Amino acid sequence: MMKESMVETEVTYPLERDGKFVLIEQVPARVSSKTGEQFFPPKTVEQIHNIINERTAPKKTIETPVYDYV
């Protein structure tokens, strides 16, 4: 069995809230170098939800195009 290696890095965490997409940048995560799966400690997830619940003004806003699959 091959051991999976994890890399400590920062990622952008996408989240949908009240029908709107929100991005949290520079989130610390452990990422599988084999699968790309991201792992977050409970404290980090709690901080993400605190950021969203505070509803402070975002650092920036970006426009996102949306397409239908069919």
Protein backbone atom coordinates (compact mmCIF):
# COMPACT_ATOMS: atom_id res chain seq x y z
CA MET A 1 0.00 0.00 0.00
CA MET A 2 1.34 3.40 -1.01
CA LYS A 3 1.40 6.09 1.67
CA GLU A 4 -0.40 9.25 0.67
CA SER A 5 1.55 12.45 1.21
CA MET A 6 -0.09 15.61 2.45
CA VAL A 7 1.07 19.14 1.73
CA GLU A 8 0.42 22.08 4.07
CA THR A 9 -0.72 25.02 1.94
CA GLU A 10 -3.30 27.79 1.62
CA VAL A 11 -6.38 27.36 -0.57
CA THR A 12 -9.48 29.26 -1.61
CA TYR A 13 -12.57 27.81 0.10
CA PRO A 14 -15.82 28.12 -1.93
CA LEU A 15 -19.11 28.26 -0.05
CA GLU A 16 -22.74 28.83 -1.02
CA ARG A 17 -24.80 30.81 1.44
CA ASP A 18 -28.36 32.07 0.94
CA GLY A 19 -28.11 31.32 -2.79
CA LYS A 20 -24.89 33.32 -3.18
CA PHE A 21 -21.39 32.01 -3.65
CA VAL A 22 -18.68 33.23 -1.32
CA LEU A 23 -14.93 32.64 -1.54
CA ILE A 24 -12.65 32.65 1.48
CA GLU A 25 -9.03 33.11 0.40
CA GLN A 26 -5.80 32.06 2.10
CA VAL A 27 -7.38 29.26 4.15
CA PRO A 28 -4.77 26.91 5.67
CA ALA A 29 -5.34 23.31 4.59
CA ARG A 30 -3.69 19.94 4.22
CA VAL A 31 -3.96 18.83 0.60
CA SER A 32 -3.41 15.33 -0.74
CA SER A 33 -0.67 15.45 -3.35
CA LYS A 34 -2.23 12.38 -4.99
CA THR A 35 -5.95 13.26 -5.08
CA GLY A 36 -6.04 17.01 -4.41
CA GLU A 37 -8.55 16.44 -1.61
CA GLN A 38 -8.48 19.23 0.96
CA PHE A 39 -8.61 18.68 4.72
CA PHE A 40 -9.42 21.38 7.27
CA PRO A 41 -9.09 21.16 11.04
CA PRO A 42 -12.33 21.87 12.98
CA LYS A 43 -10.92 25.19 14.25
CA THR A 44 -10.38 26.38 10.66
CA VAL A 45 -13.92 25.40 9.62
CA GLU A 46 -15.27 27.22 12.68
CA GLN A 47 -13.31 30.36 11.69
CA ILE A 48 -14.68 30.16 8.11
CA HIS A 49 -18.24 30.10 9.47
CA ASN A 50 -17.44 33.00 11.83
CA ILE A 51 -16.20 35.07 8.89
CA ILE A 52 -19.41 34.39 6.95
CA ASN A 53 -21.72 34.95 9.94
CA GLU A 54 -20.14 38.32 10.79
CA ARG A 55 -21.41 39.62 7.44
CA THR A 56 -18.72 42.30 7.30
CA ALA A 57 -17.85 43.92 3.99
CA PRO A 58 -15.82 41.55 1.79
CA LYS A 59 -12.25 42.39 0.78
CA LYS A 60 -13.37 42.41 -2.85
CA THR A 61 -16.23 41.29 -5.08
CA ILE A 62 -15.82 39.41 -8.37
CA GLU A 63 -18.28 38.80 -11.19
CA THR A 64 -18.92 35.14 -12.00
CA PRO A 65 -20.39 33.95 -15.30
CA VAL A 66 -22.97 31.15 -15.08
CA TYR A 67 -23.72 28.67 -17.89
CA ASP A 68 -26.36 25.97 -18.36
CA TYR A 69 -25.03 22.48 -19.02
CA VAL A 70 -27.71 21.73 -21.65
